[in-house]
């Protein structure tokens, strides 16, 4: 009698490894293009209004990172990749079954990148930077996890 993947006990460390591995399978090249386009549009809109400074640049970079992680993470939980399905079918199936665990990876990376961007480019206080990074990470988690949950319910 064979056991399904749901019957096998997986430790929390293995779940974290599966989540990271699943997140790496996303369509990250197209996500980079979307992020660059969104960040560029944000920067251009501020330049049209005659504003420029490191705060504007950090905002555009933050929007680019937000779009990058939302698109890449959503593609990962839905099983899309710029490399094709290939041999990673079981990992993609696990990602579709556990979208919120996979969503934690791009959300955490969004938090860290936003923290670095704002600390380096702005004079914003440390706790304010942490708060901004947390809610940006929460947005990424909500988008990626929500897309994955809705996508899993449709299949």
C-alpha atoms as a PDB file:
ATOM      1  CA  UNK A   1       0.000   0.000   0.000  1.00  0.00           C
ATOM      2  CA  UNK A   2       1.541   3.308  -1.013  1.00  0.00           C
ATOM      3  CA  UNK A   3       1.337   6.394   1.091  1.00  0.00           C
ATOM      4  CA  UNK A   4       0.328   9.725  -0.356  1.00  0.00           C
ATOM      5  CA  UNK A   5       2.396  12.849   0.221  1.00  0.00           C
ATOM      6  CA  UNK A   6      -0.187  14.017   2.774  1.00  0.00           C
ATOM      7  CA  UNK A   7       0.345  10.934   4.974  1.00  0.00           C
ATOM      8  CA  UNK A   8       4.077  11.500   5.351  1.00  0.00           C
ATOM      9  CA  UNK A   9       5.113  13.433   8.439  1.00  0.00           C
ATOM     10  CA  UNK A  10       7.256  16.439   7.643  1.00  0.00           C
ATOM     11  CA  UNK A  11       9.184  18.310  10.319  1.00  0.00           C
ATOM     12  CA  UNK A  12       8.992  22.080  10.583  1.00  0.00           C
ATOM     13  CA  UNK A  13      12.602  22.386   9.376  1.00  0.00           C
ATOM     14  CA  UNK A  14      11.732  20.325   6.300  1.00  0.00           C
ATOM     15  CA  UNK A  15       8.643  22.482   5.704  1.00  0.00           C
ATOM     16  CA  UNK A  16      10.836  25.595   5.735  1.00  0.00           C
ATOM     17  CA  UNK A  17      13.219  23.973   3.253  1.00  0.00           C
ATOM     18  CA  UNK A  18      10.307  22.962   1.025  1.00  0.00           C
ATOM     19  CA  UNK A  19       8.890  26.493   1.186  1.00  0.00           C
ATOM     20  CA  UNK A  20      12.208  28.056   0.180  1.00  0.00           C
ATOM     21  CA  UNK A  21      12.751  25.503  -2.579  1.00  0.00           C
ATOM     22  CA  UNK A  22       9.203  26.051  -3.859  1.00  0.00           C
ATOM     23  CA  UNK A  23       9.637  29.808  -3.866  1.00  0.00           C
ATOM     24  CA  UNK A  24      12.801  29.536  -5.953  1.00  0.00           C
ATOM     25  CA  UNK A  25      10.811  27.871  -8.740  1.00  0.00           C
ATOM     26  CA  UNK A  26       8.757  30.982  -9.455  1.00  0.00           C
ATOM     27  CA  UNK A  27       8.953  33.026 -12.643  1.00  0.00           C
ATOM     28  CA  UNK A  28      11.623  35.364 -11.310  1.00  0.00           C
ATOM     29  CA  UNK A  29      12.825  36.766 -14.663  1.00  0.00           C
ATOM     30  CA  UNK A  30       9.367  38.035 -15.631  1.00  0.00           C
ATOM     31  CA  UNK A  31       8.937  39.203 -12.026  1.00  0.00           C
ATOM     32  CA  UNK A  32      12.133  41.251 -12.351  1.00  0.00           C
ATOM     33  CA  UNK A  33      10.785  42.824 -15.532  1.00  0.00           C
ATOM     34  CA  UNK A  34       7.482  43.716 -13.839  1.00  0.00           C
ATOM     35  CA  UNK A  35       9.315  45.098 -10.807  1.00  0.00           C
ATOM     36  CA  UNK A  36      11.664  47.180 -12.926  1.00  0.00           C
ATOM     37  CA  UNK A  37       8.752  48.535 -14.959  1.00  0.00           C
ATOM     38  CA  UNK A  38       6.728  49.412 -11.844  1.00  0.00           C
ATOM     39  CA  UNK A  39       9.685  51.029 -10.114  1.00  0.00           C
ATOM     40  CA  UNK A  40      10.541  52.963 -13.263  1.00  0.00           C
ATOM     41  CA  UNK A  41       6.976  54.240 -13.616  1.00  0.00           C
ATOM     42  CA  UNK A  42       6.950  55.307  -9.968  1.00  0.00           C
ATOM     43  CA  UNK A  43      10.232  57.164 -10.388  1.00  0.00           C
ATOM     44  CA  UNK A  44       9.065  58.775 -13.631  1.00  0.00           C
ATOM     45  CA  UNK A  45       5.826  59.992 -12.047  1.00  0.00           C
ATOM     46  CA  UNK A  46       7.753  61.689  -9.269  1.00  0.00           C
ATOM     47  CA  UNK A  47      10.178  63.240 -11.746  1.00  0.00           C
ATOM     48  CA  UNK A  48       7.290  64.618 -13.825  1.00  0.00           C
ATOM     49  CA  UNK A  49       6.049  66.408 -10.724  1.00  0.00           C
ATOM     50  CA  UNK A  50       9.493  67.909 -10.237  1.00  0.00           C
ATOM     51  CA  UNK A  51      10.401  65.968  -7.111  1.00  0.00           C
ATOM     52  CA  UNK A  52      13.644  64.120  -6.660  1.00  0.00           C
ATOM     53  CA  UNK A  53      15.645  62.887  -3.749  1.00  0.00           C
ATOM     54  CA  UNK A  54      16.763  59.734  -2.053  1.00  0.00           C
ATOM     55  CA  UNK A  55      13.325  59.307  -0.492  1.00  0.00           C
ATOM     56  CA  UNK A  56      11.773  59.200  -3.959  1.00  0.00           C
ATOM     57  CA  UNK A  57      14.405  56.726  -5.116  1.00  0.00           C
ATOM     58  CA  UNK A  58      13.844  54.503  -2.078  1.00  0.00           C
ATOM     59  CA  UNK A  59      10.086  54.583  -2.697  1.00  0.00           C
ATOM     60  CA  UNK A  60      10.549  53.530  -6.319  1.00  0.00           C
ATOM     61  CA  UNK A  61      12.932  50.732  -5.301  1.00  0.00           C
ATOM     62  CA  UNK A  62      10.466  49.605  -2.662  1.00  0.00           C
ATOM     63  CA  UNK A  63       7.636  49.459  -5.208  1.00  0.00           C
ATOM     64  CA  UNK A  64       9.887  47.541  -7.591  1.00  0.00           C
ATOM     65  CA  UNK A  65      10.721  45.021  -4.860  1.00  0.00           C
ATOM     66  CA  UNK A  66       7.055  44.707  -3.859  1.00  0.00           C
ATOM     67  CA  UNK A  67       6.006  43.936  -7.424  1.00  0.00           C
ATOM     68  CA  UNK A  68       8.958  41.586  -7.917  1.00  0.00           C
ATOM     69  CA  UNK A  69       8.125  39.494  -4.852  1.00  0.00           C
ATOM     70  CA  UNK A  70       4.360  39.522  -5.507  1.00  0.00           C
ATOM     71  CA  UNK A  71       4.696  38.340  -9.109  1.00  0.00           C
ATOM     72  CA  UNK A  72       7.473  35.823  -8.448  1.00  0.00           C
ATOM     73  CA  UNK A  73       5.843  34.413  -5.321  1.00  0.00           C
ATOM     74  CA  UNK A  74       2.417  34.196  -6.935  1.00  0.00           C
ATOM     75  CA  UNK A  75       3.881  32.350  -9.876  1.00  0.00           C
ATOM     76  CA  UNK A  76       5.638  29.965  -7.496  1.00  0.00           C
ATOM     77  CA  UNK A  77       2.454  29.018  -5.615  1.00  0.00           C
ATOM     78  CA  UNK A  78       0.550  28.608  -8.866  1.00  0.00           C
ATOM     79  CA  UNK A  79       3.258  26.410 -10.357  1.00  0.00           C
ATOM     80  CA  UNK A  80       4.383  28.779 -13.104  1.00  0.00           C
ATOM     81  CA  UNK A  81       8.029  29.078 -14.002  1.00  0.00           C
ATOM     82  CA  UNK A  82      10.095  30.634 -16.715  1.00  0.00           C
ATOM     83  CA  UNK A  83      12.014  27.327 -16.891  1.00  0.00           C
ATOM     84  CA  UNK A  84       9.023  25.027 -17.453  1.00  0.00           C
ATOM     85  CA  UNK A  85       7.623  22.253 -15.260  1.00  0.00           C
ATOM     86  CA  UNK A  86      10.335  19.654 -15.747  1.00  0.00           C
ATOM     87  CA  UNK A  87      11.328  17.420 -12.859  1.00  0.00           C
ATOM     88  CA  UNK A  88      10.050  19.700 -10.094  1.00  0.00           C
ATOM     89  CA  UNK A  89       6.455  18.484 -10.326  1.00  0.00           C
ATOM     90  CA  UNK A  90       6.241  17.205  -6.724  1.00  0.00           C
ATOM     91  CA  UNK A  91       7.692  20.415  -5.349  1.00  0.00           C
ATOM     92  CA  UNK A  92       5.201  22.476  -7.346  1.00  0.00           C
ATOM     93  CA  UNK A  93       2.354  20.292  -6.082  1.00  0.00           C
ATOM     94  CA  UNK A  94       3.555  20.873  -2.493  1.00  0.00           C
ATOM     95  CA  UNK A  95       3.668  24.630  -3.117  1.00  0.00           C
ATOM     96  CA  UNK A  96       0.099  24.632  -4.435  1.00  0.00           C
ATOM     97  CA  UNK A  97      -1.033  22.687  -1.362  1.00  0.00           C
ATOM     98  CA  UNK A  98       0.780  25.021   1.085  1.00  0.00           C
ATOM     99  CA  UNK A  99       0.519  28.553  -0.370  1.00  0.00           C
ATOM    100  CA  UNK A 100       0.787  30.395   2.952  1.00  0.00           C
ATOM    101  CA  UNK A 101       4.030  28.666   3.892  1.00  0.00           C
ATOM    102  CA  UNK A 102       5.513  29.485   0.500  1.00  0.00           C
ATOM    103  CA  UNK A 103       4.210  33.082   0.799  1.00  0.00           C
ATOM    104  CA  UNK A 104       6.290  33.559   3.954  1.00  0.00           C
ATOM    105  CA  UNK A 105       9.506  33.335   1.913  1.00  0.00           C
ATOM    106  CA  UNK A 106       8.958  36.299  -0.461  1.00  0.00           C
ATOM    107  CA  UNK A 107       7.293  38.220   2.404  1.00  0.00           C
ATOM    108  CA  UNK A 108      10.380  37.808   4.569  1.00  0.00           C
ATOM    109  CA  UNK A 109      12.642  38.784   1.692  1.00  0.00           C
ATOM    110  CA  UNK A 110      10.465  41.836   1.039  1.00  0.00           C
ATOM    111  CA  UNK A 111      10.802  42.855   4.684  1.00  0.00           C
ATOM    112  CA  UNK A 112      14.593  42.513   4.610  1.00  0.00           C
ATOM    113  CA  UNK A 113      15.060  44.293   1.280  1.00  0.00           C
ATOM    114  CA  UNK A 114      12.741  47.138   2.300  1.00  0.00           C
ATOM    115  CA  UNK A 115      14.592  47.468   5.589  1.00  0.00           C
ATOM    116  CA  UNK A 116      17.943  47.757   3.800  1.00  0.00           C
ATOM    117  CA  UNK A 117      16.640  50.125   1.105  1.00  0.00           C
ATOM    118  CA  UNK A 118      15.113  52.530   3.610  1.00  0.00           C
ATOM    119  CA  UNK A 119      18.008  52.427   6.073  1.00  0.00           C
ATOM    120  CA  UNK A 120      20.570  53.122   3.362  1.00  0.00           C
ATOM    121  CA  UNK A 121      18.707  55.716   1.301  1.00  0.00           C
ATOM    122  CA  UNK A 122      16.554  57.610   3.802  1.00  0.00           C
ATOM    123  CA  UNK A 123      16.918  59.274   7.171  1.00  0.00           C
ATOM    124  CA  UNK A 124      13.859  57.414   8.413  1.00  0.00           C
ATOM    125  CA  UNK A 125      14.162  56.085  11.966  1.00  0.00           C
ATOM    126  CA  UNK A 126      14.936  52.421  12.578  1.00  0.00           C
ATOM    127  CA  UNK A 127      11.579  51.534  14.141  1.00  0.00           C
ATOM    128  CA  UNK A 128       9.704  53.388  11.439  1.00  0.00           C
ATOM    129  CA  UNK A 129      11.697  51.463   8.857  1.00  0.00           C
ATOM    130  CA  UNK A 130      10.849  48.188  10.581  1.00  0.00           C
ATOM    131  CA  UNK A 131       7.146  49.094  10.632  1.00  0.00           C
ATOM    132  CA  UNK A 132       7.153  49.989   6.927  1.00  0.00           C
ATOM    133  CA  UNK A 133       9.013  46.791   6.069  1.00  0.00           C
ATOM    134  CA  UNK A 134       6.580  44.722   8.117  1.00  0.00           C
ATOM    135  CA  UNK A 135       3.497  46.016   6.415  1.00  0.00           C
ATOM    136  CA  UNK A 136       5.113  45.726   2.964  1.00  0.00           C
ATOM    137  CA  UNK A 137       5.985  42.127   3.828  1.00  0.00           C
ATOM    138  CA  UNK A 138       2.404  41.578   4.998  1.00  0.00           C
ATOM    139  CA  UNK A 139       1.103  42.864   1.660  1.00  0.00           C
ATOM    140  CA  UNK A 140       3.349  40.411  -0.198  1.00  0.00           C
ATOM    141  CA  UNK A 141       2.249  37.556   2.090  1.00  0.00           C
ATOM    142  CA  UNK A 142      -1.426  38.424   1.587  1.00  0.00           C
ATOM    143  CA  UNK A 143      -1.116  38.664  -2.196  1.00  0.00           C
ATOM    144  CA  UNK A 144       0.971  35.510  -2.653  1.00  0.00           C
ATOM    145  CA  UNK A 145      -0.940  33.443  -0.107  1.00  0.00           C
ATOM    146  CA  UNK A 146      -4.301  34.672  -1.378  1.00  0.00           C
ATOM    147  CA  UNK A 147      -3.429  33.954  -4.993  1.00  0.00           C
ATOM    148  CA  UNK A 148      -2.204  30.501  -3.999  1.00  0.00           C
ATOM    149  CA  UNK A 149      -5.293  29.732  -1.911  1.00  0.00           C
ATOM    150  CA  UNK A 150      -7.668  30.854  -4.655  1.00  0.00           C
ATOM    151  CA  UNK A 151      -5.633  29.039  -7.295  1.00  0.00           C
ATOM    152  CA  UNK A 152      -5.640  25.820  -5.238  1.00  0.00           C
ATOM    153  CA  UNK A 153      -9.403  26.006  -4.693  1.00  0.00           C
ATOM    154  CA  UNK A 154      -9.999  26.209  -8.433  1.00  0.00           C
ATOM    155  CA  UNK A 155      -8.059  23.057  -9.267  1.00  0.00           C
END
